[in-house]
Protein backbone atom coordinates (compact mmCIF):
# COMPACT_ATOMS: atom_id res chain seq x y z
CA MET A 1 6.18 0.09 3.26
CA LYS A 2 8.66 -2.48 2.03
CA TYR A 3 9.80 -2.17 -1.58
CA ALA A 4 12.79 -2.97 -3.77
CA VAL A 5 14.27 -1.81 -7.05
CA VAL A 6 15.32 -4.72 -9.27
CA ASN A 7 17.03 -4.96 -12.64
CA SER A 8 15.54 -7.37 -15.19
CA GLY A 9 16.10 -7.37 -18.93
CA GLY A 10 18.01 -4.10 -18.91
CA LYS A 11 15.18 -2.21 -17.19
CA GLN A 12 14.65 -1.27 -13.55
CA TYR A 13 11.38 -1.96 -11.72
CA LYS A 14 10.15 -0.74 -8.33
CA VAL A 15 8.31 -3.68 -6.73
CA SER A 16 6.58 -4.37 -3.45
CA GLU A 17 5.24 -7.62 -2.00
CA GLY A 18 1.94 -8.83 -3.44
CA GLU A 19 2.20 -6.60 -6.52
CA GLU A 20 1.82 -7.78 -10.13
CA ILE A 21 4.15 -6.34 -12.78
CA LEU A 22 4.90 -6.86 -16.47
CA LEU A 23 8.47 -7.89 -17.27
CA GLN A 24 9.84 -7.56 -20.77
CA GLY A 25 10.33 -10.79 -22.74
CA THR A 26 9.10 -14.29 -22.06
CA ILE A 27 10.13 -16.00 -18.83
CA LEU A 28 9.89 -19.76 -18.38
CA GLY A 29 9.27 -21.51 -15.08
CA LYS A 30 6.78 -21.28 -12.22
CA THR A 31 8.80 -19.48 -9.53
CA LEU A 32 12.03 -17.54 -9.94
CA ASP A 33 14.42 -15.41 -7.94
CA LEU A 34 15.55 -12.01 -9.19
CA THR A 35 19.04 -11.50 -7.76
CA ASP A 36 19.90 -8.12 -9.31
CA VAL A 37 18.49 -6.09 -6.40
CA LEU A 38 19.71 -2.48 -6.53
CA LEU A 39 17.87 -1.00 -3.51
CA ILE A 40 15.72 -2.19 -0.61
CA SER A 41 13.57 0.03 1.61
CA ASN A 42 12.14 -1.51 4.77
CA GLU A 43 9.98 0.86 6.86
CA GLY A 44 12.19 3.89 6.11
CA LYS A 45 15.54 2.08 6.35
CA ILE A 46 17.14 2.19 2.91
CA LYS A 47 19.94 -0.11 1.78
CA VAL A 48 21.64 0.70 -1.53
CA GLY A 49 23.85 -1.77 -3.39
CA ASN A 50 27.15 -1.10 -5.11
CA PRO A 51 25.94 -1.98 -7.79
CA THR A 52 23.78 -4.78 -6.31
CA ILE A 53 23.05 -5.97 -2.78
CA LYS A 54 24.69 -9.30 -1.99
CA ASP A 55 22.42 -12.09 -0.65
CA ALA A 56 19.28 -10.10 -1.53
CA LYS A 57 16.65 -11.51 -3.84
CA VAL A 58 13.05 -11.00 -4.89
CA GLN A 59 10.97 -14.17 -5.20
CA ILE A 60 8.40 -14.04 -8.03
CA THR A 61 5.72 -16.34 -9.42
CA VAL A 62 5.09 -16.37 -13.17
CA ILE A 63 1.40 -15.87 -13.99
CA GLY A 64 1.62 -16.01 -17.78
CA PRO A 65 2.61 -14.35 -21.05
CA GLU A 66 0.92 -11.23 -22.41
CA LYS A 67 1.18 -9.09 -25.50
CA GLY A 68 1.69 -5.36 -25.41
CA GLU A 69 -0.09 -2.67 -27.35
CA LYS A 70 0.11 -2.88 -31.14
CA ILE A 71 2.42 -0.39 -32.78
CA ASN A 72 1.78 0.47 -36.44
CA VAL A 73 4.69 1.72 -38.53
CA ARG A 74 3.92 3.23 -41.92
CA LYS A 75 6.42 4.21 -44.61
CA TYR A 76 5.42 6.45 -47.51
CA LYS A 77 7.23 8.11 -50.38
CA SER A 78 5.35 10.63 -52.44
CA LYS A 79 5.11 10.42 -56.22
CA SER A 80 6.61 6.92 -56.40
CA ARG A 81 3.63 4.78 -55.24
CA TYR A 82 5.68 3.36 -52.33
CA ARG A 83 3.62 2.46 -49.26
CA LYS A 84 4.50 -0.05 -46.57
CA ALA A 85 2.74 -0.91 -43.29
CA ILE A 86 4.35 -2.96 -40.53
CA GLY A 87 2.82 -3.92 -37.17
CA HIS A 88 4.54 -5.03 -33.95
CA ARG A 89 3.41 -6.24 -30.52
CA ALA A 90 5.94 -6.56 -27.70
CA GLN A 91 6.01 -9.77 -25.64
CA PHE A 92 5.67 -9.43 -21.85
CA THR A 93 5.36 -11.79 -18.89
CA ARG A 94 3.04 -10.99 -15.98
CA VAL A 95 4.59 -11.93 -12.63
CA LYS A 96 3.53 -11.61 -9.00
CA VAL A 97 6.06 -10.56 -6.36
CA ASP A 98 5.87 -13.02 -3.47
CA LYS A 99 8.63 -11.99 -1.10
CA ILE A 100 11.56 -9.59 -0.77
CA VAL A 101 14.43 -11.36 1.00
CA LEU A 102 17.42 -9.54 2.45
């Protein structure tokens, strides 16, 4: 099984070819290359970067934007009639991993 560990947006993702993942933030463009490849495993042979592997990249295709789960934050102070409700939904981008190139 061929897989790679990539760094994108301050987070690390384990990806394999043909897999769809959610990356944090909005990404523009149709196809992109992720060049921060930290590790590649190809049929049991593991190559680890220091900190990244030179000339290695993961080719991805952007499928589209998505929103994460809604998070409700409530603030309350007793005896002072203070109540506040705030909601937040994180922005993600769904991408498909096309190819892992070494």
